[in-house]
Amino acid sequence: RRAMASLEKAGEAVRITKELGFSTEALSQFEQAVRTRLADGASASAAELRDAMGTTRKYAIPLLEYFDDKGITRRSGDERVLTGR
């Protein structure tokens, strides 16, 4: 926990849930993968975005919820779309 706090303070990591965090570089790559998949007004399911991010459901769902909370994406039923931010 101390290590994560130090990384967060240094701007090198972001905690997205109480127990899960990513380096800022990895988080940026996940976000870019989602933005690319949802470009031009497309929508996608969590499974499609999981595949686009190249991760497992264990990490994809918390990441997608984080992006929803940050206003990057918006969940609409079983699909997600970009919000324009």
Protein backbone atom coordinates (compact mmCIF):
# COMPACT_ATOMS: atom_id res chain seq x y z
CA ARG A 1 0.00 0.00 0.00
CA ARG A 2 2.85 2.36 0.76
CA ALA A 3 4.47 1.62 -2.58
CA MET A 4 1.22 2.38 -4.40
CA ALA A 5 0.78 5.59 -2.42
CA SER A 6 4.30 6.65 -3.36
CA LEU A 7 3.71 5.86 -7.03
CA GLU A 8 0.43 7.79 -6.97
CA LYS A 9 2.07 10.76 -5.29
CA ALA A 10 4.82 10.75 -7.93
CA GLY A 11 2.20 10.63 -10.70
CA GLU A 12 3.43 7.26 -11.91
CA ALA A 13 0.34 5.20 -11.03
CA VAL A 14 -3.41 5.58 -10.63
CA ARG A 15 -5.57 3.55 -8.29
CA ILE A 16 -8.84 2.74 -10.04
CA THR A 17 -10.41 0.69 -7.24
CA LYS A 18 -9.56 0.14 -3.60
CA GLU A 19 -7.35 -2.79 -4.53
CA LEU A 20 -6.41 -2.20 -8.17
CA GLY A 21 -4.10 0.31 -9.77
CA PHE A 22 -2.15 0.73 -12.99
CA SER A 23 0.87 2.67 -14.12
CA THR A 24 -0.12 5.91 -15.81
CA GLU A 25 1.43 4.57 -19.03
CA ALA A 26 -0.64 1.37 -18.96
CA LEU A 27 -3.80 3.29 -18.09
CA SER A 28 -3.15 5.63 -21.01
CA GLN A 29 -2.74 2.66 -23.36
CA PHE A 30 -5.99 1.10 -22.14
CA GLU A 31 -7.78 4.42 -22.63
CA GLN A 32 -6.38 4.82 -26.14
CA ALA A 33 -7.50 1.30 -27.06
CA VAL A 34 -11.04 2.13 -25.88
CA ARG A 35 -11.05 5.48 -27.71
CA THR A 36 -9.86 3.80 -30.91
CA ARG A 37 -12.51 1.07 -30.68
CA LEU A 38 -15.26 3.60 -30.02
CA ALA A 39 -14.14 6.12 -32.65
CA ASP A 40 -16.66 7.69 -35.01
CA GLY A 41 -19.61 7.21 -32.68
CA ALA A 42 -19.34 3.43 -32.49
CA SER A 43 -20.58 1.53 -29.46
CA ALA A 44 -19.15 -1.68 -28.06
CA SER A 45 -19.86 -4.27 -25.41
CA ALA A 46 -17.60 -4.85 -22.43
CA ALA A 47 -16.34 -8.03 -24.10
CA GLU A 48 -15.43 -6.14 -27.28
CA LEU A 49 -13.64 -3.47 -25.27
CA ARG A 50 -11.89 -6.12 -23.19
CA ASP A 51 -10.55 -7.61 -26.41
CA ALA A 52 -9.54 -4.18 -27.70
CA MET A 53 -7.60 -3.53 -24.48
CA GLY A 54 -6.03 -6.98 -24.63
CA THR A 55 -6.85 -7.85 -21.04
CA THR A 56 -9.13 -10.15 -19.07
CA ARG A 57 -12.60 -9.45 -17.70
CA LYS A 58 -11.07 -9.22 -14.20
CA TYR A 59 -9.30 -6.02 -15.23
CA ALA A 60 -11.53 -4.81 -18.07
CA ILE A 61 -14.67 -4.25 -15.99
CA PRO A 62 -12.95 -2.07 -13.34
CA LEU A 63 -11.17 -0.17 -16.13
CA LEU A 64 -14.44 0.46 -17.96
CA GLU A 65 -16.14 1.58 -14.75
CA TYR A 66 -13.21 3.93 -14.11
CA PHE A 67 -13.55 5.39 -17.63
CA ASP A 68 -17.31 5.81 -17.03
CA ASP A 69 -16.63 7.60 -13.72
CA LYS A 70 -14.09 9.90 -15.39
CA GLY A 71 -16.58 10.78 -18.13
CA ILE A 72 -14.52 9.22 -20.91
CA THR A 73 -17.19 6.65 -21.71
CA ARG A 74 -20.85 6.24 -20.90
CA ARG A 75 -22.64 2.96 -20.41
CA SER A 76 -25.88 2.61 -22.32
CA GLY A 77 -27.46 -0.77 -21.61
CA ASP A 78 -24.85 -3.38 -22.40
CA GLU A 79 -22.83 -1.04 -24.63
CA ARG A 80 -20.45 1.82 -24.05
CA VAL A 81 -19.90 4.96 -26.12
CA LEU A 82 -17.43 7.84 -25.94
CA THR A 83 -18.72 10.95 -24.24
CA GLY A 84 -16.66 13.37 -26.30
CA ARG A 85 -14.12 14.19 -23.61
